[in-house]
Amino acid sequence: MIQKKETIKTACMEALPLALAIATYGLSYGVLATQVKFSLLTAVSMSVFVFSGSAQLVTVAMLAGGASLISVLLTVILLNLRNLLYGAALAEGLAPAKKWTALLAFGISDEPFVLATSRFKKVGPDPLYFAIVTGMFYIAWILAAFFGALIGNQLDPQKWGLDLAFPVTFAALLVPGLKGKPVIGTVLAATVIAMVLEYLKPGNELTIIITGLLAPLVGLYLHRRTNHA
């Protein structure tokens, strides 16, 4: 019981700062969703059933640009393929909660992955920690989306810098983990690829997807070389 209380306390303390950043990001989504003519119900329902900041923001951005539904669907699928890798990496840490695996899998995304990976390395498998963290993020995202959609056109996310809140916070979380040639190589490759693609075609929505698919290959290559050295 004492251990569970300690886990809950740790999860809440470590998730709260990022949950606040997620809330500002969710607020931006809600506002943008309203600007592409999403109703309040549609905007909030998407957060409830999809729960993916990248997928939701890409969706509203592409719809605003006149993209077809097929293009949006394909882009979102490609963009979220990384969650399959996240799931594989977290499988051992979530293994003790076999009955809840499907529910916990719904919460797998960038933010919980970063915190959970660090936690599992320190204490081993800890499904409760992951559940608390994911639950906080889920609630923060839904509430923020609701209020963002509610205020609609009354707020400009870029004017207030809300669109930068989450990327900056997430970058701060990743910096301590930048150790080893494979990881650093992946980051450098992603930087170069993204810059080249942006130079060739500024504002291309496929830049993130292509970068996300190619950069990890560099990391895998360096990882194999390191292991065989």
Protein backbone atom coordinates (compact mmCIF):
# COMPACT_ATOMS: atom_id res chain seq x y z
CA MET A 1 0.00 0.00 0.00
CA ILE A 2 2.82 2.37 0.92
CA GLN A 3 4.57 1.57 -2.34
CA LYS A 4 1.39 2.30 -4.33
CA LYS A 5 0.97 5.67 -2.61
CA GLU A 6 4.58 6.52 -3.38
CA THR A 7 4.09 5.53 -7.02
CA ILE A 8 0.96 7.66 -7.33
CA LYS A 9 2.71 10.62 -5.71
CA THR A 10 5.75 10.30 -7.97
CA ALA A 11 3.60 9.93 -11.09
CA CYS A 12 1.55 13.02 -10.24
CA MET A 13 4.61 15.15 -9.49
CA GLU A 14 6.46 14.12 -12.64
CA ALA A 15 3.42 14.35 -14.93
CA LEU A 16 2.00 17.66 -13.70
CA PRO A 17 4.46 20.03 -15.45
CA LEU A 18 4.03 18.24 -18.77
CA ALA A 19 0.26 18.02 -18.27
CA LEU A 20 0.16 21.81 -18.03
CA ALA A 21 2.14 22.08 -21.26
CA ILE A 22 -0.21 19.59 -22.90
CA ALA A 23 -3.14 21.71 -21.75
CA THR A 24 -1.79 24.76 -23.55
CA TYR A 25 -1.22 22.64 -26.64
CA GLY A 26 -4.74 21.26 -26.34
CA LEU A 27 -6.08 24.78 -26.06
CA SER A 28 -4.47 25.56 -29.40
CA TYR A 29 -6.06 22.48 -30.93
CA GLY A 30 -9.50 23.49 -29.66
CA VAL A 31 -9.18 26.97 -31.11
CA LEU A 32 -7.89 25.71 -34.48
CA ALA A 33 -10.60 23.05 -34.63
CA THR A 34 -13.25 25.73 -34.28
CA GLN A 35 -11.61 27.75 -37.03
CA VAL A 36 -12.02 24.85 -39.46
CA LYS A 37 -15.72 24.68 -38.58
CA PHE A 38 -15.58 21.81 -36.08
CA SER A 39 -18.48 21.97 -33.64
CA LEU A 40 -17.75 21.92 -29.92
CA LEU A 41 -18.96 18.31 -29.75
CA THR A 42 -16.80 17.22 -32.70
CA ALA A 43 -13.67 18.90 -31.37
CA VAL A 44 -14.03 17.37 -27.90
CA SER A 45 -15.10 13.95 -29.20
CA MET A 46 -11.98 13.76 -31.32
CA SER A 47 -9.89 14.34 -28.20
CA VAL A 48 -11.82 11.69 -26.29
CA PHE A 49 -11.58 8.96 -28.92
CA VAL A 50 -8.34 9.81 -30.73
CA PHE A 51 -6.20 11.33 -27.97
CA SER A 52 -3.27 12.21 -30.20
CA GLY A 53 -2.07 15.79 -30.30
CA SER A 54 -0.01 15.31 -33.45
CA ALA A 55 -2.81 13.53 -35.30
CA GLN A 56 -5.45 16.05 -34.28
CA LEU A 57 -3.39 19.12 -35.08
CA VAL A 58 -2.30 17.68 -38.43
CA THR A 59 -5.94 16.91 -39.19
CA VAL A 60 -7.19 20.44 -38.54
CA ALA A 61 -4.19 21.95 -40.34
CA MET A 62 -4.71 19.81 -43.45
CA LEU A 63 -8.46 20.41 -43.48
CA ALA A 64 -7.79 24.14 -43.23
CA GLY A 65 -5.55 23.80 -46.29
CA GLY A 66 -8.24 22.01 -48.25
CA ALA A 67 -6.80 18.49 -48.09
CA SER A 68 -9.03 15.53 -48.86
CA LEU A 69 -10.17 13.13 -46.14
CA ILE A 70 -8.12 10.31 -47.73
CA SER A 71 -4.97 12.45 -47.57
CA VAL A 72 -5.66 13.33 -43.96
CA LEU A 73 -6.26 9.70 -43.00
CA LEU A 74 -3.10 8.46 -44.74
CA THR A 75 -0.99 11.19 -43.15
CA VAL A 76 -2.34 10.50 -39.67
CA ILE A 77 -1.69 6.76 -40.03
CA LEU A 78 1.90 7.31 -41.14
CA LEU A 79 2.47 9.89 -38.45
CA ASN A 80 1.33 7.55 -35.69
CA LEU A 81 3.17 4.43 -36.81
CA ARG A 82 5.78 5.37 -34.23
CA ASN A 83 3.32 4.33 -31.52
CA LEU A 84 3.85 0.72 -32.59
CA LEU A 85 7.52 1.08 -31.69
CA TYR A 86 6.59 2.80 -28.43
CA GLY A 87 4.28 -0.06 -27.57
CA ALA A 88 6.96 -2.66 -28.24
CA ALA A 89 9.44 -0.75 -26.08
CA LEU A 90 6.95 -0.40 -23.20
CA ALA A 91 5.56 -3.95 -23.37
CA GLU A 92 7.83 -5.36 -20.68
CA GLY A 93 7.17 -2.47 -18.32
CA LEU A 94 3.40 -2.89 -18.67
CA ALA A 95 3.42 -6.70 -18.63
CA PRO A 96 2.23 -7.12 -14.99
CA ALA A 97 -1.11 -5.49 -15.87
CA LYS A 98 -2.20 -8.12 -18.40
CA LYS A 99 -5.94 -7.52 -17.91
CA TRP A 100 -5.52 -3.80 -18.60
CA THR A 101 -3.06 -4.01 -21.49
CA ALA A 102 -5.57 -2.89 -24.15
CA LEU A 103 -6.68 0.10 -22.09
CA LEU A 104 -3.12 1.14 -21.27
CA ALA A 105 -2.18 0.78 -24.94
CA PHE A 106 -4.70 3.50 -25.77
CA GLY A 107 -2.58 5.94 -23.78
CA ILE A 108 0.69 5.23 -25.56
CA SER A 109 2.07 8.41 -27.13
CA ASP A 110 5.15 10.61 -27.03
CA GLU A 111 4.75 12.09 -23.55
CA PRO A 112 3.88 8.95 -21.56
CA PHE A 113 6.59 7.08 -23.44
CA VAL A 114 9.30 9.49 -22.31
CA LEU A 115 8.29 9.44 -18.65
CA ALA A 116 7.51 5.71 -18.52
CA THR A 117 10.77 4.71 -20.19
CA SER A 118 12.73 6.66 -17.59
CA ARG A 119 10.63 5.17 -14.78
CA PHE A 120 10.99 1.58 -15.97
CA LYS A 121 14.77 1.95 -16.19
CA LYS A 122 14.86 3.06 -12.55
CA VAL A 123 12.39 0.71 -10.83
CA GLY A 124 11.41 -1.90 -13.42
CA PRO A 125 7.86 -2.65 -14.65
CA ASP A 126 5.32 -0.18 -13.25
CA PRO A 127 1.90 -0.19 -14.96
CA LEU A 128 0.36 1.93 -12.18
CA TYR A 129 2.80 4.76 -12.85
CA PHE A 130 2.00 4.66 -16.55
CA ALA A 131 -1.75 4.63 -15.86
CA ILE A 132 -1.57 7.68 -13.57
CA VAL A 133 0.60 9.64 -16.00
CA THR A 134 -1.57 8.79 -18.98
CA GLY A 135 -4.75 9.56 -17.07
CA MET A 136 -3.48 13.03 -16.13
CA PHE A 137 -2.49 13.76 -19.72
CA TYR A 138 -5.82 12.46 -21.01
CA ILE A 139 -7.87 14.66 -18.68
CA ALA A 140 -5.69 17.71 -19.34
CA TRP A 141 -5.99 17.25 -23.11
CA ILE A 142 -9.77 16.83 -23.12
CA LEU A 143 -10.43 19.79 -20.81
CA ALA A 144 -8.05 22.01 -22.78
CA ALA A 145 -9.66 21.01 -26.08
CA PHE A 146 -13.07 21.81 -24.62
CA PHE A 147 -12.09 25.29 -23.43
CA GLY A 148 -10.16 25.96 -26.65
CA ALA A 149 -13.17 25.08 -28.77
CA LEU A 150 -15.42 27.05 -26.42
CA ILE A 151 -13.55 30.32 -26.84
CA GLY A 152 -13.09 29.67 -30.57
CA ASN A 153 -11.90 32.68 -32.54
CA GLN A 154 -11.39 34.82 -29.45
CA LEU A 155 -7.83 33.59 -29.02
CA ASP A 156 -4.89 33.39 -31.43
CA PRO A 157 -2.58 30.51 -30.33
CA GLN A 158 0.44 31.89 -32.20
CA LYS A 159 0.01 35.36 -30.75
CA TRP A 160 0.19 33.99 -27.21
CA GLY A 161 2.86 31.42 -27.99
CA LEU A 162 0.65 28.49 -27.01
CA ASP A 163 1.78 26.51 -30.04
CA LEU A 164 5.34 26.45 -28.66
CA ALA A 165 4.53 25.44 -25.09
CA PHE A 166 4.50 21.70 -25.60
CA PRO A 167 7.41 21.36 -28.09
CA VAL A 168 9.66 23.35 -25.75
CA THR A 169 8.66 21.28 -22.72
CA PHE A 170 9.04 18.02 -24.61
CA ALA A 171 12.48 19.07 -25.85
CA ALA A 172 13.51 19.77 -22.26
CA LEU A 173 12.48 16.24 -21.30
CA LEU A 174 14.46 14.70 -24.15
CA VAL A 175 17.73 16.54 -23.56
CA PRO A 176 18.85 14.42 -20.54
CA GLY A 177 18.34 11.29 -22.64
CA LEU A 178 20.66 12.40 -25.44
CA LYS A 179 23.40 9.94 -24.64
CA GLY A 180 25.22 7.50 -26.87
CA LYS A 181 26.02 7.56 -30.58
CA PRO A 182 22.72 5.99 -31.77
CA VAL A 183 20.57 8.57 -30.00
CA ILE A 184 22.71 11.56 -30.91
CA GLY A 185 23.02 10.28 -34.47
CA THR A 186 19.24 10.03 -34.75
CA VAL A 187 18.79 13.59 -33.50
CA LEU A 188 21.41 14.99 -35.89
CA ALA A 189 19.97 13.04 -38.81
CA ALA A 190 16.47 14.30 -38.00
CA THR A 191 17.74 17.88 -37.87
CA VAL A 192 19.51 17.64 -41.22
CA ILE A 193 16.65 15.84 -42.97
CA ALA A 194 14.05 18.28 -41.67
CA MET A 195 16.13 21.31 -42.68
CA VAL A 196 16.75 19.94 -46.17
CA LEU A 197 13.09 19.09 -46.74
CA GLU A 198 11.96 22.45 -45.42
CA TYR A 199 14.45 24.19 -47.71
CA LEU A 200 13.27 22.21 -50.74
CA LYS A 201 9.57 22.69 -50.00
CA PRO A 202 8.72 25.05 -47.13
CA GLY A 203 5.61 24.21 -45.15
CA ASN A 204 5.31 20.68 -46.52
CA GLU A 205 3.18 18.64 -44.11
CA LEU A 206 5.09 15.47 -45.05
CA THR A 207 8.36 16.80 -43.63
CA ILE A 208 7.67 15.48 -40.13
CA ILE A 209 6.56 12.09 -41.43
CA ILE A 210 9.56 11.58 -43.73
CA THR A 211 11.94 12.73 -41.02
CA GLY A 212 10.32 10.42 -38.50
CA LEU A 213 10.69 7.46 -40.83
CA LEU A 214 14.27 8.08 -41.99
CA ALA A 215 16.07 9.45 -38.92
CA PRO A 216 15.57 6.33 -36.75
CA LEU A 217 17.24 4.25 -39.47
CA VAL A 218 20.45 6.15 -38.80
CA GLY A 219 20.13 5.38 -35.11
CA LEU A 220 19.57 1.68 -35.82
CA TYR A 221 22.61 1.60 -38.09
CA LEU A 222 24.82 3.20 -35.44
CA HIS A 223 23.38 0.89 -32.78
CA ARG A 224 24.32 -2.20 -34.80
CA ARG A 225 27.79 -0.85 -35.49
CA THR A 226 28.29 -0.14 -31.80
CA ASN A 227 27.19 -3.64 -30.79
CA HIS A 228 29.40 -5.31 -33.37
CA ALA A 229 32.42 -3.18 -32.66
